[in-house]
Amino acid sequence: MNQEEKTIASPDQSREFGAMGELLRELQKEELEQNENSAAEIPEAQITKNTTELMTEINSTLKEIAEIQKSILEEIKRSK
């Protein structure tokens, strides 16, 4: 912890800064809470896993569509 952080973190010394010291502490506290909540909601590894699963599903669906289109084209060629 450096000297600036000690000054802000210490309640006795924050009186030197008055309302600005209090405001700074509140902002720091909110920022820490937001960072903790954001990281806890969706871990990056989970996002990557979900994206990979979606890409795999999309790929298999596109293959099915291609097979269906191929069979439709073959049926059209036979009927002519």
PDB file of N, CA and C in Angstrom:
ATOM      1  N   MET A   1       0.860  -1.169   0.000  1.00  0.00           N
ATOM      2  CA  MET A   1       0.000   0.000   0.000  1.00  0.00           C
ATOM      3  C   MET A   1       0.903   1.227   0.000  1.00  0.00           C
ATOM      4  N   ASN A   2       0.708   2.142  -0.933  1.00  0.00           N
ATOM      5  CA  ASN A   2       1.558   3.324  -0.970  1.00  0.00           C
ATOM      6  C   ASN A   2       1.005   4.422  -0.059  1.00  0.00           C
ATOM      7  N   GLN A   3       1.718   5.527   0.024  1.00  0.00           N
ATOM      8  CA  GLN A   3       1.362   6.592   0.968  1.00  0.00           C
ATOM      9  C   GLN A   3      -0.020   7.193   0.667  1.00  0.00           C
ATOM     10  N   GLU A   4      -0.343   7.354  -0.629  1.00  0.00           N
ATOM     11  CA  GLU A   4      -1.652   7.935  -0.980  1.00  0.00           C
ATOM     12  C   GLU A   4      -2.782   7.039  -0.507  1.00  0.00           C
ATOM     13  N   GLU A   5      -2.632   5.718  -0.703  1.00  0.00           N
ATOM     14  CA  GLU A   5      -3.671   4.792  -0.276  1.00  0.00           C
ATOM     15  C   GLU A   5      -3.817   4.796   1.238  1.00  0.00           C
ATOM     16  N   LYS A   6      -2.704   4.915   1.957  1.00  0.00           N
ATOM     17  CA  LYS A   6      -2.767   4.966   3.417  1.00  0.00           C
ATOM     18  C   LYS A   6      -3.526   6.205   3.867  1.00  0.00           C
ATOM     19  N   THR A   7      -3.292   7.308   3.192  1.00  0.00           N
ATOM     20  CA  THR A   7      -3.963   8.553   3.562  1.00  0.00           C
ATOM     21  C   THR A   7      -5.461   8.436   3.339  1.00  0.00           C
ATOM     22  N   ILE A   8      -5.859   7.840   2.215  1.00  0.00           N
ATOM     23  CA  ILE A   8      -7.286   7.725   1.905  1.00  0.00           C
ATOM     24  C   ILE A   8      -7.935   6.668   2.791  1.00  0.00           C
ATOM     25  N   ALA A   9      -7.211   5.570   3.058  1.00  0.00           N
ATOM     26  CA  ALA A   9      -7.788   4.464   3.815  1.00  0.00           C
ATOM     27  C   ALA A   9      -7.903   4.778   5.300  1.00  0.00           C
ATOM     28  N   SER A  10      -7.070   5.645   5.819  1.00  0.00           N
ATOM     29  CA  SER A  10      -7.078   5.948   7.245  1.00  0.00           C
ATOM     30  C   SER A  10      -8.155   6.978   7.569  1.00  0.00           C
ATOM     31  N   PRO A  11      -9.129   6.630   8.419  1.00  0.00           N
ATOM     32  CA  PRO A  11     -10.216   7.566   8.731  1.00  0.00           C
ATOM     33  C   PRO A  11      -9.737   8.859   9.377  1.00  0.00           C
ATOM     34  N   ASP A  12      -8.714   8.783  10.240  1.00  0.00           N
ATOM     35  CA  ASP A  12      -8.227   9.985  10.902  1.00  0.00           C
ATOM     36  C   ASP A  12      -7.602  10.951   9.915  1.00  0.00           C
ATOM     37  N   GLN A  13      -6.842  10.432   8.997  1.00  0.00           N
ATOM     38  CA  GLN A  13      -6.154  11.278   8.038  1.00  0.00           C
ATOM     39  C   GLN A  13      -7.102  11.797   6.965  1.00  0.00           C
ATOM     40  N   SER A  14      -8.230  11.108   6.704  1.00  0.00           N
ATOM     41  CA  SER A  14      -9.148  11.555   5.660  1.00  0.00           C
ATOM     42  C   SER A  14      -9.843  12.853   6.040  1.00  0.00           C
ATOM     43  N   ARG A  15      -9.791  13.204   7.304  1.00  0.00           N
ATOM     44  CA  ARG A  15     -10.396  14.471   7.727  1.00  0.00           C
ATOM     45  C   ARG A  15      -9.702  15.647   7.068  1.00  0.00           C
ATOM     46  N   GLU A  16      -8.445  15.449   6.722  1.00  0.00           N
ATOM     47  CA  GLU A  16      -7.707  16.499   6.031  1.00  0.00           C
ATOM     48  C   GLU A  16      -8.370  16.801   4.688  1.00  0.00           C
ATOM     49  N   PHE A  17      -8.950  15.803   4.085  1.00  0.00           N
ATOM     50  CA  PHE A  17      -9.567  15.970   2.782  1.00  0.00           C
ATOM     51  C   PHE A  17     -11.058  16.276   2.877  1.00  0.00           C
ATOM     52  N   GLY A  18     -11.632  16.115   4.034  1.00  0.00           N
ATOM     53  CA  GLY A  18     -13.036  16.433   4.247  1.00  0.00           C
ATOM     54  C   GLY A  18     -13.960  15.588   3.403  1.00  0.00           C
ATOM     55  N   ALA A  19     -14.925  16.257   2.799  1.00  0.00           N
ATOM     56  CA  ALA A  19     -15.941  15.569   1.999  1.00  0.00           C
ATOM     57  C   ALA A  19     -15.329  14.865   0.798  1.00  0.00           C
ATOM     58  N   MET A  20     -14.260  15.441   0.238  1.00  0.00           N
ATOM     59  CA  MET A  20     -13.627  14.811  -0.924  1.00  0.00           C
ATOM     60  C   MET A  20     -13.014  13.460  -0.547  1.00  0.00           C
ATOM     61  N   GLY A  21     -12.453  13.353   0.660  1.00  0.00           N
ATOM     62  CA  GLY A  21     -11.912  12.078   1.121  1.00  0.00           C
ATOM     63  C   GLY A  21     -12.999  11.030   1.248  1.00  0.00           C
ATOM     64  N   GLU A  22     -14.128  11.433   1.796  1.00  0.00           N
ATOM     65  CA  GLU A  22     -15.278  10.520   1.926  1.00  0.00           C
ATOM     66  C   GLU A  22     -15.774  10.093   0.549  1.00  0.00           C
ATOM     67  N   LEU A  23     -15.891  11.032  -0.352  1.00  0.00           N
ATOM     68  CA  LEU A  23     -16.365  10.739  -1.709  1.00  0.00           C
ATOM     69  C   LEU A  23     -15.425   9.764  -2.399  1.00  0.00           C
ATOM     70  N   LEU A  24     -14.138   9.998  -2.241  1.00  0.00           N
ATOM     71  CA  LEU A  24     -13.155   9.117  -2.847  1.00  0.00           C
ATOM     72  C   LEU A  24     -13.268   7.700  -2.316  1.00  0.00           C
ATOM     73  N   ARG A  25     -13.423   7.553  -1.002  1.00  0.00           N
ATOM     74  CA  ARG A  25     -13.586   6.226  -0.404  1.00  0.00           C
ATOM     75  C   ARG A  25     -14.840   5.539  -0.913  1.00  0.00           C
ATOM     76  N   GLU A  26     -15.934   6.271  -1.025  1.00  0.00           N
ATOM     77  CA  GLU A  26     -17.185   5.688  -1.521  1.00  0.00           C
ATOM     78  C   GLU A  26     -17.042   5.231  -2.969  1.00  0.00           C
ATOM     79  N   LEU A  27     -16.388   6.048  -3.783  1.00  0.00           N
ATOM     80  CA  LEU A  27     -16.188   5.678  -5.184  1.00  0.00           C
ATOM     81  C   LEU A  27     -15.312   4.435  -5.308  1.00  0.00           C
ATOM     82  N   GLN A  28     -14.267   4.368  -4.500  1.00  0.00           N
ATOM     83  CA  GLN A  28     -13.410   3.184  -4.511  1.00  0.00           C
ATOM     84  C   GLN A  28     -14.180   1.940  -4.090  1.00  0.00           C
ATOM     85  N   LYS A  29     -15.006   2.090  -3.080  1.00  0.00           N
ATOM     86  CA  LYS A  29     -15.793   0.970  -2.580  1.00  0.00           C
ATOM     87  C   LYS A  29     -16.762   0.477  -3.661  1.00  0.00           C
ATOM     88  N   GLU A  30     -17.440   1.399  -4.344  1.00  0.00           N
ATOM     89  CA  GLU A  30     -18.376   1.031  -5.406  1.00  0.00           C
ATOM     90  C   GLU A  30     -17.657   0.347  -6.554  1.00  0.00           C
ATOM     91  N   GLU A  31     -16.492   0.873  -6.916  1.00  0.00           N
ATOM     92  CA  GLU A  31     -15.736   0.282  -8.015  1.00  0.00           C
ATOM     93  C   GLU A  31     -15.314  -1.140  -7.680  1.00  0.00           C
ATOM     94  N   LEU A  32     -14.855  -1.367  -6.463  1.00  0.00           N
ATOM     95  CA  LEU A  32     -14.480  -2.714  -6.044  1.00  0.00           C
ATOM     96  C   LEU A  32     -15.670  -3.663  -6.085  1.00  0.00           C
ATOM     97  N   GLU A  33     -16.824  -3.206  -5.619  1.00  0.00           N
ATOM     98  CA  GLU A  33     -18.028  -4.042  -5.641  1.00  0.00           C
ATOM     99  C   GLU A  33     -18.434  -4.376  -7.060  1.00  0.00           C
ATOM    100  N   GLN A  34     -18.384  -3.394  -7.957  1.00  0.00           N
ATOM    101  CA  GLN A  34     -18.751  -3.635  -9.348  1.00  0.00           C
ATOM    102  C   GLN A  34     -17.803  -4.625  -9.998  1.00  0.00           C
ATOM    103  N   ASN A  35     -16.503  -4.474  -9.739  1.00  0.00           N
ATOM    104  CA  ASN A  35     -15.527  -5.399 -10.311  1.00  0.00           C
ATOM    105  C   ASN A  35     -15.737  -6.813  -9.792  1.00  0.00           C
ATOM    106  N   GLU A  36     -16.034  -6.957  -8.513  1.00  0.00           N
ATOM    107  CA  GLU A  36     -16.276  -8.281  -7.949  1.00  0.00           C
ATOM    108  C   GLU A  36     -17.527  -8.900  -8.543  1.00  0.00           C
ATOM    109  N   ASN A  37     -18.591  -8.113  -8.700  1.00  0.00           N
ATOM    110  CA  ASN A  37     -19.841  -8.626  -9.248  1.00  0.00           C
ATOM    111  C   ASN A  37     -19.681  -9.009 -10.712  1.00  0.00           C
ATOM    112  N   SER A  38     -18.995  -8.196 -11.490  1.00  0.00           N
ATOM    113  CA  SER A  38     -18.816  -8.484 -12.908  1.00  0.00           C
ATOM    114  C   SER A  38     -18.032  -9.773 -13.110  1.00  0.00           C
ATOM    115  N   ALA A  39     -16.976  -9.936 -12.348  1.00  0.00           N
ATOM    116  CA  ALA A  39     -16.146 -11.132 -12.488  1.00  0.00           C
ATOM    117  C   ALA A  39     -16.901 -12.372 -12.023  1.00  0.00           C
ATOM    118  N   ALA A  40     -17.742 -12.233 -11.026  1.00  0.00           N
ATOM    119  CA  ALA A  40     -18.453 -13.384 -10.482  1.00  0.00           C
ATOM    120  C   ALA A  40     -19.613 -13.818 -11.374  1.00  0.00           C
ATOM    121  N   GLU A  41     -20.198 -12.899 -12.136  1.00  0.00           N
ATOM    122  CA  GLU A  41     -21.375 -13.231 -12.931  1.00  0.00           C
ATOM    123  C   GLU A  41     -21.067 -14.244 -14.025  1.00  0.00           C
ATOM    124  N   ILE A  42     -20.105 -13.934 -14.901  1.00  0.00           N
ATOM    125  CA  ILE A  42     -19.803 -14.819 -16.017  1.00  0.00           C
ATOM    126  C   ILE A  42     -18.297 -14.905 -16.186  1.00  0.00           C
ATOM    127  N   PRO A  43     -17.709 -15.999 -15.741  1.00  0.00           N
ATOM    128  CA  PRO A  43     -16.269 -16.156 -15.926  1.00  0.00           C
ATOM    129  C   PRO A  43     -15.919 -16.265 -17.409  1.00  0.00           C
ATOM    130  N   GLU A  44     -14.770 -15.766 -17.760  1.00  0.00           N
ATOM    131  CA  GLU A  44     -14.336 -15.760 -19.159  1.00  0.00           C
ATOM    132  C   GLU A  44     -14.277 -17.171 -19.737  1.00  0.00           C
ATOM    133  N   ALA A  45     -13.871 -18.136 -18.943  1.00  0.00           N
ATOM    134  CA  ALA A  45     -13.796 -19.519 -19.415  1.00  0.00           C
ATOM    135  C   ALA A  45     -15.182 -20.038 -19.799  1.00  0.00           C
ATOM    136  N   GLN A  46     -16.193 -19.654 -19.035  1.00  0.00           N
ATOM    137  CA  GLN A  46     -17.560 -20.091 -19.331  1.00  0.00           C
ATOM    138  C   GLN A  46     -18.043 -19.469 -20.640  1.00  0.00           C
ATOM    139  N   ILE A  47     -17.707 -18.212 -20.871  1.00  0.00           N
ATOM    140  CA  ILE A  47     -18.095 -17.538 -22.115  1.00  0.00           C
ATOM    141  C   ILE A  47     -17.457 -18.245 -23.300  1.00  0.00           C
ATOM    142  N   THR A  48     -16.173 -18.570 -23.176  1.00  0.00           N
ATOM    143  CA  THR A  48     -15.459 -19.265 -24.251  1.00  0.00           C
ATOM    144  C   THR A  48     -16.078 -20.624 -24.517  1.00  0.00           C
ATOM    145  N   LYS A  49     -16.415 -21.344 -23.451  1.00  0.00           N
ATOM    146  CA  LYS A  49     -17.033 -22.668 -23.597  1.00  0.00           C
ATOM    147  C   LYS A  49     -18.388 -22.549 -24.298  1.00  0.00           C
ATOM    148  N   ASN A  50     -19.200 -21.594 -23.879  1.00  0.00           N
ATOM    149  CA  ASN A  50     -20.511 -21.406 -24.498  1.00  0.00           C
ATOM    150  C   ASN A  50     -20.379 -21.030 -25.971  1.00  0.00           C
ATOM    151  N   THR A  51     -19.414 -20.179 -26.282  1.00  0.00           N
ATOM    152  CA  THR A  51     -19.199 -19.775 -27.670  1.00  0.00           C
ATOM    153  C   THR A  51     -18.788 -20.976 -28.507  1.00  0.00           C
ATOM    154  N   THR A  52     -17.905 -21.807 -27.984  1.00  0.00           N
ATOM    155  CA  THR A  52     -17.461 -22.999 -28.704  1.00  0.00           C
ATOM    156  C   THR A  52     -18.625 -23.953 -28.945  1.00  0.00           C
ATOM    157  N   GLU A  53     -19.455 -24.140 -27.934  1.00  0.00           N
ATOM    158  CA  GLU A  53     -20.619 -25.013 -28.087  1.00  0.00           C
ATOM    159  C   GLU A  53     -21.580 -24.476 -29.145  1.00  0.00           C
ATOM    160  N   LEU A  54     -21.805 -23.173 -29.143  1.00  0.00           N
ATOM    161  CA  LEU A  54     -22.683 -22.565 -30.140  1.00  0.00           C
ATOM    162  C   LEU A  54     -22.114 -22.724 -31.547  1.00  0.00           C
ATOM    163  N   MET A  55     -20.814 -22.512 -31.699  1.00  0.00           N
ATOM    164  CA  MET A  55     -20.181 -22.661 -33.009  1.00  0.00           C
ATOM    165  C   MET A  55     -20.303 -24.098 -33.511  1.00  0.00           C
ATOM    166  N   THR A  56     -20.133 -25.070 -32.620  1.00  0.00           N
ATOM    167  CA  THR A  56     -20.264 -26.476 -32.993  1.00  0.00           C
ATOM    168  C   THR A  56     -21.692 -26.781 -33.434  1.00  0.00           C
ATOM    169  N   GLU A  57     -22.652 -26.266 -32.696  1.00  0.00           N
ATOM    170  CA  GLU A  57     -24.058 -26.485 -33.041  1.00  0.00           C
ATOM    171  C   GLU A  57     -24.408 -25.835 -34.381  1.00  0.00           C
ATOM    172  N   ILE A  58     -23.926 -24.622 -34.601  1.00  0.00           N
ATOM    173  CA  ILE A  58     -24.173 -23.931 -35.871  1.00  0.00           C
ATOM    174  C   ILE A  58     -23.562 -24.717 -37.026  1.00  0.00           C
ATOM    175  N   ASN A  59     -22.337 -25.212 -36.824  1.00  0.00           N
ATOM    176  CA  ASN A  59     -21.660 -25.982 -37.858  1.00  0.00           C
ATOM    177  C   ASN A  59     -22.451 -27.234 -38.235  1.00  0.00           C
ATOM    178  N   SER A  60     -22.925 -27.962 -37.243  1.00  0.00           N
ATOM    179  CA  SER A  60     -23.689 -29.178 -37.541  1.00  0.00           C
ATOM    180  C   SER A  60     -25.018 -28.850 -38.220  1.00  0.00           C
ATOM    181  N   THR A  61     -25.648 -27.754 -37.823  1.00  0.00           N
ATOM    182  CA  THR A  61     -26.902 -27.341 -38.464  1.00  0.00           C
ATOM    183  C   THR A  61     -26.671 -26.962 -39.923  1.00  0.00           C
ATOM    184  N   LEU A  62     -25.578 -26.244 -40.178  1.00  0.00           N
ATOM    185  CA  LEU A  62     -25.254 -25.881 -41.565  1.00  0.00           C
ATOM    186  C   LEU A  62     -24.973 -27.114 -42.416  1.00  0.00           C
ATOM    187  N   LYS A  63     -24.335 -28.130 -41.832  1.00  0.00           N
ATOM    188  CA  LYS A  63     -24.086 -29.376 -42.562  1.00  0.00           C
ATOM    189  C   LYS A  63     -25.400 -30.065 -42.909  1.00  0.00           C
ATOM    190  N   GLU A  64     -26.324 -30.074 -41.965  1.00  0.00           N
ATOM    191  CA  GLU A  64     -27.637 -30.669 -42.224  1.00  0.00           C
ATOM    192  C   GLU A  64     -28.352 -29.928 -43.347  1.00  0.00           C
ATOM    193  N   ILE A  65     -28.308 -28.618 -43.311  1.00  0.00           N
ATOM    194  CA  ILE A  65     -28.949 -27.807 -44.352  1.00  0.00           C
ATOM    195  C   ILE A  65     -28.322 -28.113 -45.710  1.00  0.00           C
ATOM    196  N   ALA A  66     -26.997 -28.216 -45.752  1.00  0.00           N
ATOM    197  CA  ALA A  66     -26.317 -28.521 -47.014  1.00  0.00           C
ATOM    198  C   ALA A  66     -26.738 -29.882 -47.549  1.00  0.00           C
ATOM    199  N   GLU A  67     -26.863 -30.868 -46.667  1.00  0.00           N
ATOM    200  CA  GLU A  67     -27.297 -32.200 -47.090  1.00  0.00           C
ATOM    201  C   GLU A  67     -28.725 -32.171 -47.633  1.00  0.00           C
ATOM    202  N   ILE A  68     -29.586 -31.432 -46.969  1.00  0.00           N
ATOM    203  CA  ILE A  68     -30.980 -31.318 -47.431  1.00  0.00           C
ATOM    204  C   ILE A  68     -31.032 -30.632 -48.787  1.00  0.00           C
ATOM    205  N   GLN A  69     -30.269 -29.555 -48.951  1.00  0.00           N
ATOM    206  CA  GLN A  69     -30.238 -28.854 -50.243  1.00  0.00           C
ATOM    207  C   GLN A  69     -29.706 -29.772 -51.344  1.00  0.00           C
ATOM    208  N   LYS A  70     -28.690 -30.546 -51.021  1.00  0.00           N
ATOM    209  CA  LYS A  70     -28.120 -31.474 -51.992  1.00  0.00           C
ATOM    210  C   LYS A  70     -29.152 -32.509 -52.424  1.00  0.00           C
ATOM    211  N   SER A  71     -29.885 -33.063 -51.455  1.00  0.00           N
ATOM    212  CA  SER A  71     -30.898 -34.063 -51.814  1.00  0.00           C
ATOM    213  C   SER A  71     -32.045 -33.433 -52.612  1.00  0.00           C
ATOM    214  N   ILE A  72     -32.399 -32.197 -52.311  1.00  0.00           N
ATOM    215  CA  ILE A  72     -33.444 -31.501 -53.074  1.00  0.00           C
ATOM    216  C   ILE A  72     -32.983 -31.284 -54.514  1.00  0.00           C
ATOM    217  N   LEU A  73     -31.736 -30.847 -54.692  1.00  0.00           N
ATOM    218  CA  LEU A  73     -31.210 -30.644 -56.043  1.00  0.00           C
ATOM    219  C   LEU A  73     -31.174 -31.953 -56.825  1.00  0.00           C
ATOM    220  N   GLU A  74     -30.784 -33.051 -56.181  1.00  0.00           N
ATOM    221  CA  GLU A  74     -30.767 -34.345 -56.848  1.00  0.00           C
ATOM    222  C   GLU A  74     -32.176 -34.761 -57.250  1.00  0.00           C
ATOM    223  N   GLU A  75     -33.133 -34.502 -56.384  1.00  0.00           N
ATOM    224  CA  GLU A  75     -34.530 -34.839 -56.701  1.00  0.00           C
ATOM    225  C   GLU A  75     -35.049 -34.000 -57.864  1.00  0.00           C
ATOM    226  N   ILE A  76     -34.667 -32.750 -57.922  1.00  0.00           N
ATOM    227  CA  ILE A  76     -35.093 -31.870 -59.025  1.00  0.00           C
ATOM    228  C   ILE A  76     -34.469 -32.368 -60.335  1.00  0.00           C
ATOM    229  N   LYS A  77     -33.208 -32.767 -60.313  1.00  0.00           N
ATOM    230  CA  LYS A  77     -32.542 -33.272 -61.519  1.00  0.00           C
ATOM    231  C   LYS A  77     -33.205 -34.555 -62.013  1.00  0.00           C
ATOM    232  N   ARG A  78     -33.618 -35.426 -61.087  1.00  0.00           N
ATOM    233  CA  ARG A  78     -34.281 -36.684 -61.472  1.00  0.00           C
ATOM    234  C   ARG A  78     -35.655 -36.420 -62.085  1.00  0.00           C
ATOM    235  N   SER A  79     -36.354 -35.424 -61.552  1.00  0.00           N
ATOM    236  CA  SER A  79     -37.714 -35.171 -62.031  1.00  0.00           C
ATOM    237  C   SER A  79     -37.725 -34.502 -63.414  1.00  0.00           C
ATOM    238  N   LYS A  80     -36.632 -33.899 -63.844  1.00  0.00           N
ATOM    239  CA  LYS A  80     -36.569 -33.263 -65.166  1.00  0.00           C
ATOM    240  C   LYS A  80     -36.330 -34.299 -66.170  1.00  0.00           C
TER     241      LYS A  80
END
